[in-house]
Protein backbone atom coordinates (compact mmCIF):
# COMPACT_ATOMS: atom_id res chain seq x y z
CA THR A 1 67.14 -8.56 -39.08
CA GLY A 2 67.10 -7.76 -35.27
CA VAL A 3 68.65 -4.44 -35.18
CA VAL A 4 66.94 -1.33 -33.85
CA VAL A 5 66.54 1.74 -35.37
CA HIS A 6 67.14 4.24 -32.87
CA THR A 7 63.61 6.50 -33.18
CA ASP A 8 63.94 7.76 -29.85
CA LEU A 9 66.74 10.44 -30.03
CA ARG A 10 65.25 13.95 -30.27
CA ARG A 11 65.66 15.62 -33.25
CA THR A 12 67.70 19.68 -32.00
CA GLY A 13 68.82 20.94 -35.35
CA LEU A 14 67.19 21.82 -38.72
CA PHE A 15 69.01 23.15 -42.06
CA GLN A 16 66.65 24.41 -44.85
CA CYS A 17 68.01 27.13 -47.29
CA SER A 18 65.99 28.59 -50.86
CA ASP A 19 68.22 25.82 -52.62
CA PRO A 20 65.22 23.02 -53.50
CA LYS A 21 68.03 20.47 -54.00
CA VAL A 22 70.67 21.45 -51.55
CA ASN A 23 66.93 20.56 -48.85
CA ALA A 24 66.61 17.50 -50.73
CA LEU A 25 70.75 16.56 -49.79
CA HIS A 26 70.50 17.14 -46.15
CA GLU A 27 67.07 15.03 -45.96
CA ALA A 28 68.70 12.18 -47.55
CA ALA A 29 71.61 12.89 -44.96
CA VAL A 30 69.27 12.99 -41.98
CA TRP A 31 67.65 9.99 -43.14
CA SER A 32 70.69 7.99 -43.74
CA PHE A 33 72.01 9.15 -40.32
CA ARG A 34 68.52 7.37 -39.07
CA GLY A 35 69.38 4.65 -40.74
CA ASN A 36 72.72 3.90 -39.25
CA ALA A 37 71.53 4.82 -34.87
CA CYS A 38 71.48 1.53 -34.22
CA ASP A 39 72.45 0.51 -31.07
CA ILE A 40 75.72 2.13 -32.21
CA PRO A 41 76.63 3.82 -35.15
CA THR A 42 76.89 2.16 -38.22
CA ASP A 43 79.01 2.85 -41.31
CA CYS A 44 76.32 1.90 -43.53
CA PRO A 45 72.65 -0.18 -43.67
CA THR A 46 72.96 -1.96 -46.83
CA ARG A 47 76.22 -4.13 -45.76
CA GLU A 48 77.91 -5.20 -43.02
CA ARG A 49 76.38 -2.92 -40.33
CA ALA A 50 79.74 -2.25 -38.51
CA GLY A 51 80.87 0.42 -35.62
CA TRP A 52 83.63 1.75 -37.69
CA THR A 53 85.65 4.25 -35.17
CA GLY A 54 86.47 7.04 -37.97
CA ASP A 55 82.76 6.73 -39.04
CA TRP A 56 81.41 8.07 -36.19
CA GLN A 57 84.58 10.31 -35.51
CA LEU A 58 83.67 12.40 -38.53
CA TYR A 59 79.68 12.73 -38.36
CA VAL A 60 79.43 12.92 -35.11
CA PRO A 61 79.52 16.74 -34.86
CA THR A 62 76.49 16.40 -37.54
CA ALA A 63 74.72 14.32 -35.94
CA ALA A 64 75.17 15.94 -32.55
CA PHE A 65 73.89 19.17 -34.45
CA LEU A 66 70.65 16.66 -36.12
CA TYR A 67 69.94 15.22 -32.46
CA ASP A 68 70.30 14.62 -29.40
CA VAL A 69 73.71 11.90 -29.41
CA ALA A 70 75.25 12.52 -25.77
CA GLY A 71 73.68 9.41 -24.38
CA PHE A 72 73.79 7.02 -28.02
CA THR A 73 77.45 8.06 -27.85
CA THR A 74 78.04 7.81 -24.62
CA LYS A 75 77.31 3.91 -24.72
CA TRP A 76 79.10 3.70 -27.31
CA LEU A 77 81.86 5.21 -26.04
CA ARG A 78 82.22 3.26 -22.92
CA ASP A 79 81.93 0.14 -25.30
CA LEU A 80 85.06 1.40 -26.77
CA ALA A 81 87.23 1.71 -23.81
CA ALA A 82 86.14 -2.01 -22.52
CA GLY A 83 87.34 -3.19 -25.77
CA GLN A 84 90.38 -1.38 -26.08
CA TRP A 85 93.37 -3.95 -25.70
CA ASP A 86 95.78 -3.47 -22.71
CA ASN A 87 98.44 -2.19 -24.89
CA GLY A 88 95.75 1.31 -25.68
CA VAL A 89 95.14 0.02 -29.18
CA VAL A 90 91.56 0.98 -29.78
CA GLY A 91 89.75 -1.24 -32.23
CA ASN A 92 88.77 0.25 -35.96
CA MET A 93 85.19 -1.08 -35.15
CA VAL A 94 83.18 -0.96 -32.03
CA PRO A 95 81.97 -3.46 -30.79
CA MET A 96 85.38 -5.28 -32.46
CA PRO A 97 84.03 -8.79 -33.53
CA PRO A 98 86.40 -11.46 -32.21
CA ALA A 99 87.30 -12.53 -35.17
CA GLU A 100 88.19 -9.10 -36.30
CA ARG A 101 91.19 -8.98 -33.90
CA THR A 102 93.39 -11.37 -36.02
CA GLY A 103 94.59 -11.76 -39.27
CA PHE A 104 94.39 -8.63 -42.08
CA MET A 105 92.74 -6.67 -39.73
CA GLU A 106 95.15 -6.98 -36.73
CA ARG A 107 97.83 -5.40 -38.68
CA LEU A 108 94.70 -2.34 -39.16
CA ASN A 109 93.66 -2.04 -35.68
CA GLY A 110 95.34 0.74 -34.20
CA SER A 111 95.35 3.24 -36.63
CA ALA A 112 95.30 6.31 -36.74
CA GLY A 113 91.96 7.79 -38.26
CA TRP A 114 90.30 5.36 -36.25
CA GLY A 115 91.15 4.82 -33.20
CA ASP A 116 91.94 9.24 -33.27
CA ALA A 117 87.75 8.47 -31.76
CA ALA A 118 89.12 7.40 -28.44
CA VAL A 119 90.10 11.40 -28.08
CA LEU A 120 87.91 13.28 -30.33
CA VAL A 121 84.70 11.67 -30.14
CA PRO A 122 84.27 12.30 -26.34
CA TRP A 123 86.08 16.43 -27.05
CA GLU A 124 83.48 16.76 -29.85
CA ILE A 125 80.83 15.86 -27.13
CA TYR A 126 81.80 17.38 -25.03
CA GLN A 127 82.29 21.18 -27.43
CA GLU A 128 78.45 19.92 -27.95
CA TYR A 129 76.99 19.28 -25.11
CA GLY A 130 79.25 21.27 -22.38
CA ASP A 131 79.80 18.14 -19.63
CA VAL A 132 82.90 17.07 -19.03
CA ARG A 133 81.73 14.20 -17.30
CA LEU A 134 82.25 12.13 -20.27
CA LEU A 135 85.74 13.45 -20.59
CA GLU A 136 86.65 12.09 -16.82
CA GLU A 137 85.33 9.04 -17.30
CA GLN A 138 86.96 8.44 -20.82
CA TRP A 139 90.17 9.92 -19.73
CA PRO A 140 91.71 6.63 -19.06
CA SER A 141 90.96 5.57 -22.48
CA MET A 142 92.16 8.23 -24.27
CA VAL A 143 95.70 8.42 -22.47
CA ALA A 144 95.80 5.12 -23.43
CA TRP A 145 95.02 5.76 -26.53
CA LEU A 146 97.51 8.40 -27.10
CA ASP A 147 100.17 6.23 -25.40
CA PHE A 148 100.15 4.06 -27.51
CA VAL A 149 100.54 6.39 -30.33
CA GLU A 150 103.55 8.03 -29.16
CA ARG A 151 105.09 4.86 -28.65
CA THR A 152 104.36 3.15 -31.76
CA ALA A 153 105.98 6.87 -32.98
CA ALA A 154 109.08 6.73 -31.04
CA GLY A 155 109.70 2.68 -31.99
CA GLN A 156 108.99 2.30 -35.13
CA ARG A 157 110.06 4.09 -38.54
CA HIS A 158 108.31 2.41 -41.56
CA PRO A 159 111.00 0.46 -43.41
CA SER A 160 111.23 2.58 -46.48
CA ARG A 161 112.74 5.45 -44.04
CA ALA A 162 114.38 3.03 -42.39
CA ALA A 163 116.12 2.48 -45.69
CA ALA A 164 116.81 5.69 -46.58
CA ARG A 165 118.71 7.04 -43.59
CA PRO A 166 119.47 4.10 -40.94
CA GLN A 167 120.14 6.70 -37.96
CA PRO A 168 116.57 8.39 -37.35
CA ALA A 169 116.51 11.91 -37.20
CA PRO A 170 115.43 13.56 -34.27
CA HIS A 171 111.82 14.82 -35.53
CA GLU A 172 110.95 11.28 -36.02
CA GLU A 173 110.59 10.11 -33.07
CA PHE A 174 106.81 12.35 -33.88
CA LEU A 175 106.52 10.29 -36.90
CA TRP A 176 103.87 7.80 -36.81
CA ASP A 177 103.77 5.83 -40.05
CA ALA A 178 105.37 2.54 -39.18
């Protein structure tokens, strides 16, 4: 398939308990990660093998417990920053295939829970490894994302809220539901 699985990730964490079923579940999670640690962290080995930002954002704490993923994640975050739109939008996939920048996906890119990976993943890596250099390197990307979020929340309202209350309440500039 041409997909390179990262077998060079150094194992750093182990888990075992007295319940064999829980141990089996944990080992399934380990093997699932190993099958998804290609050149990028992919979402699943059976379908599109895309680097969905929300998936890595959720799994990186576990991955960092199990393996040394500092370099692996740094490379991915550099890809994230390189593909970030000029207005701060983070694509829902990293790398973002050009075809996914238009049409249906165009409206989904730059959404909460996915784009938040620009801030949460560097922070998680810092928490795990204590190296501030990645935060410094990713800071412009992190700020660009948060600036986009702030502008979007302040400048757009969900149509149902706007219909119910034509004049926004003062707190609504902080609600991001557009």
